[in-house]
Amino acid sequence: MDEGKRDQLIDHYLDGMDYGDKDLLREAFAPDILHEHPVRTIEGIEDFLTFKVDEQPPQDSEHVVSRRIHVPEASVVEGRKVGTVEGEPVDVRFCDVYEFTADESAITKLSVYVRE
């Protein structure tokens, strides 16, 4: 298990979300990504990018990480999404669970849990 590689992929995801950067997101995920989200489950990188970037309302927010836990099977990240969404304040707690390819070169599964 390479925590540094995992953290880099996770950071690409979080930064990609904060900046709406599809290239950063694409770099972090396997083409057959499985994304479990409270709104819906998505399979495949193109549908994932559409959901995460194109379908999101206008926002100026960032993910602030408070805790990272790495175990051989997965990594867990806890934190808050803070800022504004559609001009309204947002402060949402999240917990993401990440699974990786065998060589840890990409995220294969992301399960998102949120609480307002």
N, C-alpha and C. Protein backbone atom coordinates (compact mmCIF):
# COMPACT_ATOMS: atom_id res chain seq x y z
N MET A 1 0.85 -1.18 0.00
CA MET A 1 0.00 0.00 0.00
C MET A 1 0.89 1.25 0.00
N ASP A 2 0.64 2.12 -0.96
CA ASP A 2 1.41 3.35 -1.09
C ASP A 2 0.50 4.54 -0.76
N GLU A 3 0.56 5.00 0.49
CA GLU A 3 -0.30 6.10 0.93
C GLU A 3 -0.06 7.36 0.11
N GLY A 4 1.18 7.61 -0.27
CA GLY A 4 1.49 8.80 -1.07
C GLY A 4 0.78 8.78 -2.41
N LYS A 5 0.79 7.64 -3.10
CA LYS A 5 0.09 7.52 -4.38
C LYS A 5 -1.40 7.71 -4.20
N ARG A 6 -1.92 7.09 -3.15
CA ARG A 6 -3.36 7.20 -2.89
C ARG A 6 -3.73 8.66 -2.59
N ASP A 7 -2.95 9.31 -1.75
CA ASP A 7 -3.25 10.71 -1.42
C ASP A 7 -3.21 11.59 -2.66
N GLN A 8 -2.28 11.34 -3.55
CA GLN A 8 -2.20 12.14 -4.78
C GLN A 8 -3.46 11.96 -5.63
N LEU A 9 -3.94 10.73 -5.77
CA LEU A 9 -5.15 10.49 -6.54
C LEU A 9 -6.36 11.15 -5.87
N ILE A 10 -6.44 11.01 -4.57
CA ILE A 10 -7.54 11.62 -3.82
C ILE A 10 -7.50 13.14 -3.96
N ASP A 11 -6.31 13.73 -3.86
CA ASP A 11 -6.17 15.18 -4.02
C ASP A 11 -6.56 15.63 -5.42
N HIS A 12 -6.23 14.83 -6.45
CA HIS A 12 -6.64 15.17 -7.81
C HIS A 12 -8.17 15.20 -7.90
N TYR A 13 -8.81 14.23 -7.26
CA TYR A 13 -10.27 14.22 -7.25
C TYR A 13 -10.82 15.47 -6.56
N LEU A 14 -10.37 15.73 -5.35
CA LEU A 14 -10.91 16.87 -4.59
C LEU A 14 -10.62 18.20 -5.29
N ASP A 15 -9.40 18.37 -5.80
CA ASP A 15 -9.07 19.59 -6.53
C ASP A 15 -9.88 19.69 -7.83
N GLY A 16 -10.04 18.57 -8.51
CA GLY A 16 -10.84 18.55 -9.72
C GLY A 16 -12.27 18.97 -9.46
N MET A 17 -12.81 18.54 -8.33
CA MET A 17 -14.16 18.96 -7.95
C MET A 17 -14.21 20.44 -7.62
N ASP A 18 -13.23 20.91 -6.84
CA ASP A 18 -13.22 22.31 -6.43
C ASP A 18 -13.07 23.27 -7.61
N TYR A 19 -12.33 22.86 -8.64
CA TYR A 19 -12.07 23.74 -9.78
C TYR A 19 -12.83 23.35 -11.04
N GLY A 20 -13.67 22.30 -10.95
CA GLY A 20 -14.40 21.85 -12.14
C GLY A 20 -13.46 21.42 -13.25
N ASP A 21 -12.36 20.78 -12.89
CA ASP A 21 -11.30 20.43 -13.83
C ASP A 21 -11.41 18.95 -14.24
N LYS A 22 -11.96 18.73 -15.43
CA LYS A 22 -12.15 17.36 -15.91
C LYS A 22 -10.83 16.62 -16.10
N ASP A 23 -9.77 17.32 -16.48
CA ASP A 23 -8.49 16.65 -16.68
C ASP A 23 -7.95 16.08 -15.38
N LEU A 24 -8.04 16.84 -14.29
CA LEU A 24 -7.60 16.32 -12.99
C LEU A 24 -8.44 15.12 -12.58
N LEU A 25 -9.73 15.21 -12.79
CA LEU A 25 -10.60 14.09 -12.46
C LEU A 25 -10.27 12.85 -13.29
N ARG A 26 -10.08 13.05 -14.58
CA ARG A 26 -9.77 11.92 -15.47
C ARG A 26 -8.46 11.25 -15.06
N GLU A 27 -7.48 12.04 -14.62
CA GLU A 27 -6.19 11.48 -14.18
C GLU A 27 -6.32 10.59 -12.95
N ALA A 28 -7.32 10.85 -12.14
CA ALA A 28 -7.45 10.13 -10.86
C ALA A 28 -8.19 8.80 -10.98
N PHE A 29 -9.04 8.64 -11.99
CA PHE A 29 -9.95 7.51 -12.03
C PHE A 29 -9.70 6.54 -13.16
N ALA A 30 -10.04 5.28 -12.90
CA ALA A 30 -10.00 4.24 -13.93
C ALA A 30 -11.16 4.49 -14.90
N PRO A 31 -11.02 4.06 -16.16
CA PRO A 31 -12.10 4.26 -17.15
C PRO A 31 -13.43 3.64 -16.73
N ASP A 32 -13.38 2.56 -15.96
CA ASP A 32 -14.60 1.87 -15.55
C ASP A 32 -15.01 2.22 -14.12
N ILE A 33 -14.71 3.43 -13.68
CA ILE A 33 -15.02 3.88 -12.32
C ILE A 33 -16.47 3.56 -11.95
N LEU A 34 -16.65 3.09 -10.72
CA LEU A 34 -17.98 2.91 -10.14
C LEU A 34 -18.10 3.98 -9.05
N HIS A 35 -19.11 4.84 -9.21
CA HIS A 35 -19.31 5.96 -8.28
C HIS A 35 -20.67 5.81 -7.61
N GLU A 36 -20.64 5.58 -6.30
CA GLU A 36 -21.87 5.47 -5.52
C GLU A 36 -22.07 6.80 -4.80
N HIS A 37 -23.16 7.46 -5.11
CA HIS A 37 -23.45 8.79 -4.61
C HIS A 37 -24.89 8.81 -4.10
N PRO A 38 -25.20 9.63 -3.09
CA PRO A 38 -26.58 9.66 -2.60
C PRO A 38 -27.62 9.96 -3.68
N VAL A 39 -27.24 10.69 -4.72
CA VAL A 39 -28.18 11.04 -5.78
C VAL A 39 -28.39 9.87 -6.74
N ARG A 40 -27.27 9.22 -7.15
CA ARG A 40 -27.37 8.07 -8.05
C ARG A 40 -26.02 7.37 -8.17
N THR A 41 -26.07 6.15 -8.69
CA THR A 41 -24.86 5.37 -8.93
C THR A 41 -24.51 5.50 -10.41
N ILE A 42 -23.21 5.70 -10.68
CA ILE A 42 -22.73 5.93 -12.04
C ILE A 42 -21.59 4.97 -12.33
N GLU A 43 -21.56 4.46 -13.56
CA GLU A 43 -20.45 3.62 -14.00
C GLU A 43 -19.83 4.23 -15.25
N GLY A 44 -18.50 4.29 -15.28
CA GLY A 44 -17.79 4.79 -16.45
C GLY A 44 -17.36 6.24 -16.29
N ILE A 45 -16.17 6.52 -16.80
CA ILE A 45 -15.56 7.83 -16.60
C ILE A 45 -16.34 8.96 -17.28
N GLU A 46 -16.88 8.75 -18.46
CA GLU A 46 -17.56 9.85 -19.15
C GLU A 46 -18.83 10.27 -18.41
N ASP A 47 -19.64 9.30 -17.96
CA ASP A 47 -20.84 9.64 -17.20
C ASP A 47 -20.46 10.26 -15.85
N PHE A 48 -19.37 9.79 -15.27
CA PHE A 48 -18.89 10.35 -14.01
C PHE A 48 -18.52 11.82 -14.19
N LEU A 49 -17.75 12.15 -15.24
CA LEU A 49 -17.34 13.53 -15.49
C LEU A 49 -18.55 14.43 -15.77
N THR A 50 -19.50 13.93 -16.52
CA THR A 50 -20.72 14.69 -16.80
C THR A 50 -21.44 15.02 -15.51
N PHE A 51 -21.61 14.02 -14.64
CA PHE A 51 -22.30 14.22 -13.38
C PHE A 51 -21.54 15.18 -12.46
N LYS A 52 -20.23 14.99 -12.33
CA LYS A 52 -19.44 15.76 -11.38
C LYS A 52 -19.14 17.19 -11.82
N VAL A 53 -19.11 17.44 -13.12
CA VAL A 53 -18.74 18.78 -13.61
C VAL A 53 -19.92 19.45 -14.33
N ASP A 54 -20.42 18.82 -15.37
CA ASP A 54 -21.43 19.47 -16.21
C ASP A 54 -22.78 19.64 -15.53
N GLU A 55 -23.16 18.70 -14.67
CA GLU A 55 -24.50 18.74 -14.07
C GLU A 55 -24.54 19.45 -12.72
N GLN A 56 -23.41 19.92 -12.23
CA GLN A 56 -23.38 20.58 -10.92
C GLN A 56 -23.81 22.03 -11.05
N PRO A 57 -24.56 22.54 -10.05
CA PRO A 57 -24.95 23.96 -10.08
C PRO A 57 -23.74 24.86 -9.87
N PRO A 58 -23.84 26.14 -10.24
CA PRO A 58 -22.72 27.06 -10.03
C PRO A 58 -22.31 27.09 -8.55
N GLN A 59 -21.00 26.99 -8.31
CA GLN A 59 -20.53 26.97 -6.93
C GLN A 59 -19.12 27.54 -6.81
N ASP A 60 -18.87 28.05 -5.63
CA ASP A 60 -17.55 28.52 -5.23
C ASP A 60 -17.30 27.87 -3.87
N SER A 61 -16.77 26.67 -3.92
CA SER A 61 -16.62 25.90 -2.69
C SER A 61 -15.32 25.11 -2.74
N GLU A 62 -14.95 24.60 -1.57
CA GLU A 62 -13.76 23.78 -1.49
C GLU A 62 -13.99 22.64 -0.50
N HIS A 63 -13.24 21.57 -0.72
CA HIS A 63 -13.27 20.43 0.18
C HIS A 63 -12.13 20.59 1.18
N VAL A 64 -12.47 20.60 2.45
CA VAL A 64 -11.49 20.75 3.52
C VAL A 64 -11.40 19.40 4.23
N VAL A 65 -10.26 18.75 4.09
CA VAL A 65 -10.07 17.41 4.64
C VAL A 65 -9.63 17.50 6.09
N SER A 66 -10.28 16.73 6.95
CA SER A 66 -9.91 16.69 8.37
C SER A 66 -9.26 15.36 8.77
N ARG A 67 -9.47 14.33 7.96
CA ARG A 67 -8.93 13.02 8.36
C ARG A 67 -8.81 12.11 7.14
N ARG A 68 -7.70 11.37 7.11
CA ARG A 68 -7.47 10.35 6.08
C ARG A 68 -7.10 9.05 6.78
N ILE A 69 -7.70 7.96 6.36
CA ILE A 69 -7.39 6.65 6.91
C ILE A 69 -7.10 5.72 5.73
N HIS A 70 -5.95 5.07 5.78
CA HIS A 70 -5.58 4.12 4.72
C HIS A 70 -5.46 2.72 5.32
N VAL A 71 -6.15 1.77 4.72
CA VAL A 71 -5.99 0.36 5.03
C VAL A 71 -5.80 -0.36 3.70
N PRO A 72 -5.31 -1.58 3.71
CA PRO A 72 -5.04 -2.24 2.43
C PRO A 72 -6.23 -2.26 1.45
N GLU A 73 -7.44 -2.44 1.96
CA GLU A 73 -8.60 -2.57 1.08
C GLU A 73 -9.11 -1.25 0.52
N ALA A 74 -8.88 -0.14 1.22
CA ALA A 74 -9.47 1.13 0.80
C ALA A 74 -8.86 2.28 1.59
N SER A 75 -9.22 3.49 1.17
CA SER A 75 -8.88 4.71 1.92
C SER A 75 -10.16 5.48 2.19
N VAL A 76 -10.20 6.12 3.35
CA VAL A 76 -11.37 6.89 3.76
C VAL A 76 -10.92 8.32 4.04
N VAL A 77 -11.70 9.27 3.55
CA VAL A 77 -11.42 10.69 3.77
C VAL A 77 -12.66 11.34 4.35
N GLU A 78 -12.47 12.05 5.47
CA GLU A 78 -13.54 12.81 6.08
C GLU A 78 -13.23 14.29 5.95
N GLY A 79 -14.29 15.09 5.86
CA GLY A 79 -14.08 16.53 5.79
C GLY A 79 -15.38 17.27 5.60
N ARG A 80 -15.22 18.51 5.11
CA ARG A 80 -16.37 19.38 4.87
C ARG A 80 -16.24 20.02 3.49
N LYS A 81 -17.37 20.22 2.86
CA LYS A 81 -17.43 21.04 1.66
C LYS A 81 -18.01 22.37 2.12
N VAL A 82 -17.23 23.44 1.96
CA VAL A 82 -17.66 24.76 2.43
C VAL A 82 -17.56 25.78 1.31
N GLY A 83 -18.40 26.79 1.38
CA GLY A 83 -18.41 27.85 0.38
C GLY A 83 -19.83 28.20 0.02
N THR A 84 -20.08 28.38 -1.29
CA THR A 84 -21.43 28.68 -1.75
C THR A 84 -21.78 27.78 -2.93
N VAL A 85 -23.06 27.46 -3.03
CA VAL A 85 -23.62 26.75 -4.17
C VAL A 85 -24.84 27.54 -4.61
N GLU A 86 -24.83 27.95 -5.86
CA GLU A 86 -25.88 28.82 -6.41
C GLU A 86 -26.05 30.07 -5.55
N GLY A 87 -24.94 30.60 -5.02
CA GLY A 87 -24.95 31.82 -4.23
C GLY A 87 -25.36 31.65 -2.78
N GLU A 88 -25.73 30.44 -2.39
CA GLU A 88 -26.16 30.18 -1.01
C GLU A 88 -25.04 29.50 -0.24
N PRO A 89 -24.87 29.85 1.04
CA PRO A 89 -23.82 29.22 1.85
C PRO A 89 -24.02 27.70 1.94
N VAL A 90 -22.90 26.98 1.93
CA VAL A 90 -22.94 25.53 2.09
C VAL A 90 -21.85 25.12 3.06
N ASP A 91 -22.19 24.18 3.93
CA ASP A 91 -21.24 23.58 4.85
C ASP A 91 -21.73 22.16 5.09
N VAL A 92 -21.22 21.24 4.30
CA VAL A 92 -21.69 19.86 4.29
C VAL A 92 -20.55 18.94 4.71
N ARG A 93 -20.84 18.05 5.63
CA ARG A 93 -19.86 17.05 6.04
C ARG A 93 -19.90 15.89 5.05
N PHE A 94 -18.72 15.36 4.72
CA PHE A 94 -18.65 14.22 3.81
C PHE A 94 -17.69 13.17 4.33
N CYS A 95 -17.90 11.98 3.85
CA CYS A 95 -17.00 10.86 4.09
C CYS A 95 -16.94 10.09 2.78
N ASP A 96 -15.76 10.00 2.18
CA ASP A 96 -15.56 9.30 0.92
C ASP A 96 -14.76 8.04 1.17
N VAL A 97 -15.17 6.96 0.52
CA VAL A 97 -14.44 5.69 0.59
C VAL A 97 -13.93 5.40 -0.82
N TYR A 98 -12.61 5.22 -0.93
CA TYR A 98 -11.94 5.01 -2.22
C TYR A 98 -11.36 3.61 -2.29
N GLU A 99 -11.51 2.97 -3.46
CA GLU A 99 -10.82 1.71 -3.76
C GLU A 99 -9.96 1.96 -4.98
N PHE A 100 -8.89 1.18 -5.12
CA PHE A 100 -7.86 1.46 -6.11
C PHE A 100 -7.53 0.24 -6.97
N THR A 101 -6.88 0.49 -8.11
CA THR A 101 -6.33 -0.59 -8.91
C THR A 101 -5.24 -1.29 -8.11
N ALA A 102 -4.86 -2.48 -8.52
CA ALA A 102 -3.84 -3.25 -7.80
C ALA A 102 -2.53 -2.49 -7.68
N ASP A 103 -2.17 -1.72 -8.73
CA ASP A 103 -0.92 -0.96 -8.68
C ASP A 103 -1.11 0.46 -8.14
N GLU A 104 -2.33 0.75 -7.69
CA GLU A 104 -2.69 2.05 -7.10
C GLU A 104 -2.45 3.23 -8.05
N SER A 105 -2.67 2.97 -9.33
CA SER A 105 -2.48 4.04 -10.32
C SER A 105 -3.78 4.77 -10.64
N ALA A 106 -4.92 4.26 -10.10
CA ALA A 106 -6.20 4.90 -10.36
C ALA A 106 -7.22 4.46 -9.32
N ILE A 107 -8.22 5.30 -9.14
CA ILE A 107 -9.34 4.97 -8.26
C ILE A 107 -10.35 4.18 -9.08
N THR A 108 -10.78 3.04 -8.56
CA THR A 108 -11.74 2.19 -9.27
C THR A 108 -13.16 2.33 -8.73
N LYS A 109 -13.27 2.74 -7.47
CA LYS A 109 -14.59 2.89 -6.87
C LYS A 109 -14.55 4.03 -5.86
N LEU A 110 -15.58 4.85 -5.90
CA LEU A 110 -15.73 5.95 -4.95
C LEU A 110 -17.14 5.92 -4.40
N SER A 111 -17.25 5.78 -3.10
CA SER A 111 -18.55 5.83 -2.42
C SER A 111 -18.58 7.10 -1.58
N VAL A 112 -19.59 7.93 -1.81
CA VAL A 112 -19.70 9.24 -1.17
C VAL A 112 -20.86 9.21 -0.18
N TYR A 113 -20.58 9.70 1.03
CA TYR A 113 -21.61 9.83 2.06
C TYR A 113 -21.57 11.28 2.54
N VAL A 114 -22.75 11.91 2.65
CA VAL A 114 -22.81 13.32 3.05
C VAL A 114 -23.85 13.51 4.15
N ARG A 115 -23.61 14.57 4.95
CA ARG A 115 -24.57 14.96 5.98
C ARG A 115 -24.53 16.47 6.10
N GLU A 116 -25.71 17.07 5.99
CA GLU A 116 -25.81 18.53 6.09
C GLU A 116 -26.02 18.95 7.52
